Amino acid sequence: METEPKSSWVKDIFFSHDKNILSVETVNGETYNYQDVEGAVYNEMVQAKSKGKFHNKNLRGKYTCVKG
């Protein structure tokens, strides 16, 4: 599933339901792949007013991240 959010930092959000990987692509081309993320977290991020703030508060440091 892919979402193109309106954000100054997040360009795209992808979620793999079968692997529970949430990928965040930034406007500068970096991609952060978060492991073992529940679908509800993806849904909350999609609905968040600020994708960057949501990322910093709910993903960074809380899930294993592979930058790719």
PDB file of N, CA and C in Angstrom:
ATOM      1  N   MET A   1       0.838  -1.159   0.000  1.00  0.00           N
ATOM      2  CA  MET A   1       0.000   0.000   0.000  1.00  0.00           C
ATOM      3  C   MET A   1       0.894   1.237   0.000  1.00  0.00           C
ATOM      4  N   GLU A   2       0.525   2.231  -0.766  1.00  0.00           N
ATOM      5  CA  GLU A   2       1.346   3.443  -0.905  1.00  0.00           C
ATOM      6  C   GLU A   2       0.477   4.664  -0.690  1.00  0.00           C
ATOM      7  N   THR A   3       1.041   5.663  -0.045  1.00  0.00           N
ATOM      8  CA  THR A   3       0.345   6.916   0.188  1.00  0.00           C
ATOM      9  C   THR A   3       1.288   8.060  -0.119  1.00  0.00           C
ATOM     10  N   GLU A   4       0.801   9.059  -0.841  1.00  0.00           N
ATOM     11  CA  GLU A   4       1.587  10.255  -1.107  1.00  0.00           C
ATOM     12  C   GLU A   4       1.063  11.366  -0.203  1.00  0.00           C
ATOM     13  N   PRO A   5       1.698  11.554   0.939  1.00  0.00           N
ATOM     14  CA  PRO A   5       1.215  12.553   1.888  1.00  0.00           C
ATOM     15  C   PRO A   5       1.613  13.963   1.496  1.00  0.00           C
ATOM     16  N   LYS A   6       0.891  14.925   2.025  1.00  0.00           N
ATOM     17  CA  LYS A   6       1.281  16.325   1.874  1.00  0.00           C
ATOM     18  C   LYS A   6       2.147  16.645   3.073  1.00  0.00           C
ATOM     19  N   SER A   7       3.446  16.744   2.837  1.00  0.00           N
ATOM     20  CA  SER A   7       4.395  16.952   3.919  1.00  0.00           C
ATOM     21  C   SER A   7       5.634  17.647   3.375  1.00  0.00           C
ATOM     22  N   SER A   8       6.267  18.446   4.229  1.00  0.00           N
ATOM     23  CA  SER A   8       7.503  19.107   3.807  1.00  0.00           C
ATOM     24  C   SER A   8       8.710  18.181   3.947  1.00  0.00           C
ATOM     25  N   TRP A   9       8.565  17.058   4.659  1.00  0.00           N
ATOM     26  CA  TRP A   9       9.681  16.137   4.871  1.00  0.00           C
ATOM     27  C   TRP A   9       9.419  14.755   4.272  1.00  0.00           C
ATOM     28  N   VAL A  10       8.192  14.267   4.347  1.00  0.00           N
ATOM     29  CA  VAL A  10       7.852  12.927   3.863  1.00  0.00           C
ATOM     30  C   VAL A  10       7.295  13.026   2.450  1.00  0.00           C
ATOM     31  N   LYS A  11       7.926  12.292   1.532  1.00  0.00           N
ATOM     32  CA  LYS A  11       7.448  12.267   0.143  1.00  0.00           C
ATOM     33  C   LYS A  11       6.431  11.149  -0.061  1.00  0.00           C
ATOM     34  N   ASP A  12       6.763   9.936   0.388  1.00  0.00           N
ATOM     35  CA  ASP A  12       5.881   8.782   0.223  1.00  0.00           C
ATOM     36  C   ASP A  12       5.935   7.899   1.462  1.00  0.00           C
ATOM     37  N   ILE A  13       4.846   7.178   1.687  1.00  0.00           N
ATOM     38  CA  ILE A  13       4.780   6.182   2.748  1.00  0.00           C
ATOM     39  C   ILE A  13       4.309   4.883   2.104  1.00  0.00           C
ATOM     40  N   PHE A  14       5.042   3.814   2.342  1.00  0.00           N
ATOM     41  CA  PHE A  14       4.685   2.497   1.821  1.00  0.00           C
ATOM     42  C   PHE A  14       4.517   1.545   3.003  1.00  0.00           C
ATOM     43  N   PHE A  15       3.569   0.611   2.888  1.00  0.00           N
ATOM     44  CA  PHE A  15       3.423  -0.381   3.948  1.00  0.00           C
ATOM     45  C   PHE A  15       3.232  -1.747   3.320  1.00  0.00           C
ATOM     46  N   SER A  16       4.054  -2.696   3.746  1.00  0.00           N
ATOM     47  CA  SER A  16       3.946  -4.086   3.313  1.00  0.00           C
ATOM     48  C   SER A  16       3.205  -4.856   4.401  1.00  0.00           C
ATOM     49  N   HIS A  17       1.953  -5.201   4.121  1.00  0.00           N
ATOM     50  CA  HIS A  17       1.142  -5.926   5.104  1.00  0.00           C
ATOM     51  C   HIS A  17       1.685  -7.318   5.386  1.00  0.00           C
ATOM     52  N   ASP A  18       2.229  -7.965   4.368  1.00  0.00           N
ATOM     53  CA  ASP A  18       2.718  -9.333   4.571  1.00  0.00           C
ATOM     54  C   ASP A  18       4.045  -9.378   5.332  1.00  0.00           C
ATOM     55  N   LYS A  19       4.824  -8.296   5.286  1.00  0.00           N
ATOM     56  CA  LYS A  19       6.115  -8.267   5.986  1.00  0.00           C
ATOM     57  C   LYS A  19       6.130  -7.305   7.175  1.00  0.00           C
ATOM     58  N   ASN A  20       5.052  -6.528   7.335  1.00  0.00           N
ATOM     59  CA  ASN A  20       4.960  -5.524   8.410  1.00  0.00           C
ATOM     60  C   ASN A  20       6.137  -4.553   8.384  1.00  0.00           C
ATOM     61  N   ILE A  21       6.443  -4.069   7.186  1.00  0.00           N
ATOM     62  CA  ILE A  21       7.504  -3.078   7.010  1.00  0.00           C
ATOM     63  C   ILE A  21       6.871  -1.766   6.553  1.00  0.00           C
ATOM     64  N   LEU A  22       7.147  -0.721   7.297  1.00  0.00           N
ATOM     65  CA  LEU A  22       6.681   0.608   6.936  1.00  0.00           C
ATOM     66  C   LEU A  22       7.880   1.372   6.393  1.00  0.00           C
ATOM     67  N   SER A  23       7.782   1.826   5.164  1.00  0.00           N
ATOM     68  CA  SER A  23       8.872   2.558   4.510  1.00  0.00           C
ATOM     69  C   SER A  23       8.471   4.014   4.358  1.00  0.00           C
ATOM     70  N   VAL A  24       9.372   4.880   4.767  1.00  0.00           N
ATOM     71  CA  VAL A  24       9.152   6.321   4.662  1.00  0.00           C
ATOM     72  C   VAL A  24      10.217   6.876   3.728  1.00  0.00           C
ATOM     73  N   GLU A  25       9.757   7.455   2.610  1.00  0.00           N
ATOM     74  CA  GLU A  25      10.676   8.096   1.674  1.00  0.00           C
ATOM     75  C   GLU A  25      10.606   9.599   1.910  1.00  0.00           C
ATOM     76  N   THR A  26      11.778  10.214   2.080  1.00  0.00           N
ATOM     77  CA  THR A  26      11.817  11.650   2.354  1.00  0.00           C
ATOM     78  C   THR A  26      11.956  12.443   1.055  1.00  0.00           C
ATOM     79  N   VAL A  27      11.728  13.737   1.155  1.00  0.00           N
ATOM     80  CA  VAL A  27      11.819  14.593  -0.029  1.00  0.00           C
ATOM     81  C   VAL A  27      13.240  14.670  -0.572  1.00  0.00           C
ATOM     82  N   ASN A  28      14.253  14.354   0.248  1.00  0.00           N
ATOM     83  CA  ASN A  28      15.636  14.374  -0.243  1.00  0.00           C
ATOM     84  C   ASN A  28      16.088  13.001  -0.736  1.00  0.00           C
ATOM     85  N   GLY A  29      15.144  12.056  -0.878  1.00  0.00           N
ATOM     86  CA  GLY A  29      15.447  10.770  -1.494  1.00  0.00           C
ATOM     87  C   GLY A  29      15.871   9.662  -0.560  1.00  0.00           C
ATOM     88  N   GLU A  30      15.943   9.915   0.737  1.00  0.00           N
ATOM     89  CA  GLU A  30      16.307   8.859   1.679  1.00  0.00           C
ATOM     90  C   GLU A  30      15.081   8.003   1.986  1.00  0.00           C
ATOM     91  N   THR A  31      15.315   6.713   2.240  1.00  0.00           N
ATOM     92  CA  THR A  31      14.230   5.811   2.610  1.00  0.00           C
ATOM     93  C   THR A  31      14.572   5.135   3.923  1.00  0.00           C
ATOM     94  N   TYR A  32      13.607   5.144   4.831  1.00  0.00           N
ATOM     95  CA  TYR A  32      13.735   4.498   6.130  1.00  0.00           C
ATOM     96  C   TYR A  32      12.730   3.352   6.177  1.00  0.00           C
ATOM     97  N   ASN A  33      13.224   2.130   6.379  1.00  0.00           N
ATOM     98  CA  ASN A  33      12.375   0.937   6.415  1.00  0.00           C
ATOM     99  C   ASN A  33      12.275   0.441   7.853  1.00  0.00           C
ATOM    100  N   TYR A  34      11.108   0.587   8.438  1.00  0.00           N
ATOM    101  CA  TYR A  34      10.878   0.197   9.828  1.00  0.00           C
ATOM    102  C   TYR A  34      10.288  -1.210   9.876  1.00  0.00           C
ATOM    103  N   GLN A  35      10.890  -2.066  10.693  1.00  0.00           N
ATOM    104  CA  GLN A  35      10.541  -3.480  10.783  1.00  0.00           C
ATOM    105  C   GLN A  35       9.476  -3.721  11.860  1.00  0.00           C
ATOM    106  N   ASP A  36       8.645  -4.750  11.650  1.00  0.00           N
ATOM    107  CA  ASP A  36       7.654  -5.215  12.636  1.00  0.00           C
ATOM    108  C   ASP A  36       6.685  -4.124  13.075  1.00  0.00           C
ATOM    109  N   VAL A  37       6.227  -3.326  12.136  1.00  0.00           N
ATOM    110  CA  VAL A  37       5.273  -2.253  12.421  1.00  0.00           C
ATOM    111  C   VAL A  37       3.853  -2.773  12.192  1.00  0.00           C
ATOM    112  N   GLU A  38       2.974  -2.496  13.137  1.00  0.00           N
ATOM    113  CA  GLU A  38       1.579  -2.906  13.011  1.00  0.00           C
ATOM    114  C   GLU A  38       0.861  -2.024  11.985  1.00  0.00           C
ATOM    115  N   GLY A  39      -0.118  -2.610  11.325  1.00  0.00           N
ATOM    116  CA  GLY A  39      -0.895  -1.865  10.344  1.00  0.00           C
ATOM    117  C   GLY A  39      -1.564  -0.634  10.933  1.00  0.00           C
ATOM    118  N   ALA A  40      -1.943  -0.709  12.207  1.00  0.00           N
ATOM    119  CA  ALA A  40      -2.595   0.427  12.856  1.00  0.00           C
ATOM    120  C   ALA A  40      -1.658   1.633  12.916  1.00  0.00           C
ATOM    121  N   VAL A  41      -0.361   1.391  13.082  1.00  0.00           N
ATOM    122  CA  VAL A  41       0.609   2.492  13.119  1.00  0.00           C
ATOM    123  C   VAL A  41       0.672   3.166  11.754  1.00  0.00           C
ATOM    124  N   TYR A  42       0.676   2.367  10.693  1.00  0.00           N
ATOM    125  CA  TYR A  42       0.639   2.930   9.333  1.00  0.00           C
ATOM    126  C   TYR A  42      -0.604   3.801   9.155  1.00  0.00           C
ATOM    127  N   ASN A  43      -1.756   3.275   9.562  1.00  0.00           N
ATOM    128  CA  ASN A  43      -3.006   4.028   9.417  1.00  0.00           C
ATOM    129  C   ASN A  43      -2.965   5.335  10.194  1.00  0.00           C
ATOM    130  N   GLU A  44      -2.389   5.305  11.389  1.00  0.00           N
ATOM    131  CA  GLU A  44      -2.264   6.523  12.190  1.00  0.00           C
ATOM    132  C   GLU A  44      -1.352   7.535  11.508  1.00  0.00           C
ATOM    133  N   MET A  45      -0.276   7.055  10.895  1.00  0.00           N
ATOM    134  CA  MET A  45       0.638   7.968  10.214  1.00  0.00           C
ATOM    135  C   MET A  45      -0.036   8.619   9.016  1.00  0.00           C
ATOM    136  N   VAL A  46      -0.777   7.831   8.268  1.00  0.00           N
ATOM    137  CA  VAL A  46      -1.485   8.367   7.103  1.00  0.00           C
ATOM    138  C   VAL A  46      -2.444   9.475   7.536  1.00  0.00           C
ATOM    139  N   GLN A  47      -3.084   9.310   8.692  1.00  0.00           N
ATOM    140  CA  GLN A  47      -4.080  10.275   9.161  1.00  0.00           C
ATOM    141  C   GLN A  47      -3.473  11.446   9.940  1.00  0.00           C
ATOM    142  N   ALA A  48      -2.206  11.334  10.317  1.00  0.00           N
ATOM    143  CA  ALA A  48      -1.567  12.385  11.117  1.00  0.00           C
ATOM    144  C   ALA A  48      -1.473  13.697  10.340  1.00  0.00           C
ATOM    145  N   LYS A  49      -1.705  14.800  11.024  1.00  0.00           N
ATOM    146  CA  LYS A  49      -1.595  16.113  10.379  1.00  0.00           C
ATOM    147  C   LYS A  49      -0.158  16.400   9.977  1.00  0.00           C
ATOM    148  N   SER A  50       0.795  16.032  10.837  1.00  0.00           N
ATOM    149  CA  SER A  50       2.213  16.228  10.532  1.00  0.00           C
ATOM    150  C   SER A  50       2.899  14.866  10.459  1.00  0.00           C
ATOM    151  N   LYS A  51       3.249  14.467   9.254  1.00  0.00           N
ATOM    152  CA  LYS A  51       3.907  13.160   9.067  1.00  0.00           C
ATOM    153  C   LYS A  51       5.288  13.136   9.719  1.00  0.00           C
ATOM    154  N   GLY A  52       6.018  14.243   9.618  1.00  0.00           N
ATOM    155  CA  GLY A  52       7.348  14.318  10.219  1.00  0.00           C
ATOM    156  C   GLY A  52       7.306  14.212  11.735  1.00  0.00           C
ATOM    157  N   LYS A  53       6.375  14.912  12.362  1.00  0.00           N
ATOM    158  CA  LYS A  53       6.236  14.836  13.818  1.00  0.00           C
ATOM    159  C   LYS A  53       5.818  13.430  14.242  1.00  0.00           C
ATOM    160  N   PHE A  54       4.915  12.822  13.481  1.00  0.00           N
ATOM    161  CA  PHE A  54       4.494  11.454  13.798  1.00  0.00           C
ATOM    162  C   PHE A  54       5.687  10.520  13.712  1.00  0.00           C
ATOM    163  N   HIS A  55       6.469  10.662  12.657  1.00  0.00           N
ATOM    164  CA  HIS A  55       7.657   9.838  12.474  1.00  0.00           C
ATOM    165  C   HIS A  55       8.590   9.956  13.675  1.00  0.00           C
ATOM    166  N   ASN A  56       8.889  11.173  14.066  1.00  0.00           N
ATOM    167  CA  ASN A  56       9.829  11.402  15.161  1.00  0.00           C
ATOM    168  C   ASN A  56       9.310  10.869  16.498  1.00  0.00           C
ATOM    169  N   LYS A  57       8.022  10.988  16.731  1.00  0.00           N
ATOM    170  CA  LYS A  57       7.442  10.580  18.014  1.00  0.00           C
ATOM    171  C   LYS A  57       7.132   9.084  18.082  1.00  0.00           C
ATOM    172  N   ASN A  58       6.718   8.479  16.961  1.00  0.00           N
ATOM    173  CA  ASN A  58       6.174   7.124  17.006  1.00  0.00           C
ATOM    174  C   ASN A  58       6.996   6.053  16.293  1.00  0.00           C
ATOM    175  N   LEU A  59       7.949   6.444  15.468  1.00  0.00           N
ATOM    176  CA  LEU A  59       8.744   5.454  14.735  1.00  0.00           C
ATOM    177  C   LEU A  59      10.215   5.494  15.130  1.00  0.00           C
ATOM    178  N   ARG A  60      10.818   6.660  15.058  1.00  0.00           N
ATOM    179  CA  ARG A  60      12.258   6.803  15.312  1.00  0.00           C
ATOM    180  C   ARG A  60      12.598   6.314  16.724  1.00  0.00           C
ATOM    181  N   GLY A  61      13.518   5.344  16.776  1.00  0.00           N
ATOM    182  CA  GLY A  61      13.970   4.819  18.050  1.00  0.00           C
ATOM    183  C   GLY A  61      13.056   3.780  18.679  1.00  0.00           C
ATOM    184  N   LYS A  62      11.899   3.532  18.061  1.00  0.00           N
ATOM    185  CA  LYS A  62      10.963   2.564  18.633  1.00  0.00           C
ATOM    186  C   LYS A  62      10.889   1.272  17.829  1.00  0.00           C
ATOM    187  N   TYR A  63      11.298   1.344  16.572  1.00  0.00           N
ATOM    188  CA  TYR A  63      11.308   0.169  15.706  1.00  0.00           C
ATOM    189  C   TYR A  63      12.701   0.038  15.082  1.00  0.00           C
ATOM    190  N   THR A  64      13.066  -1.169  14.763  1.00  0.00           N
ATOM    191  CA  THR A  64      14.322  -1.393  14.048  1.00  0.00           C
ATOM    192  C   THR A  64      14.204  -0.749  12.680  1.00  0.00           C
ATOM    193  N   CYS A  65      15.213   0.021  12.307  1.00  0.00           N
ATOM    194  CA  CYS A  65      15.174   0.755  11.045  1.00  0.00           C
ATOM    195  C   CYS A  65      16.376   0.373  10.187  1.00  0.00           C
ATOM    196  N   VAL A  66      16.085   0.075   8.932  1.00  0.00           N
ATOM    197  CA  VAL A  66      17.131  -0.176   7.946  1.00  0.00           C
ATOM    198  C   VAL A  66      17.026   0.928   6.907  1.00  0.00           C
ATOM    199  N   LYS A  67      18.066   1.743   6.840  1.00  0.00           N
ATOM    200  CA  LYS A  67      18.061   2.845   5.872  1.00  0.00           C
ATOM    201  C   LYS A  67      18.473   2.272   4.522  1.00  0.00           C
ATOM    202  N   GLY A  68      17.687   2.632   3.506  1.00  0.00           N
ATOM    203  CA  GLY A  68      17.988   2.054   2.206  1.00  0.00           C
ATOM    204  C   GLY A  68      17.713   2.919   1.048  1.00  0.00           C
TER     205      GLY A  68
END
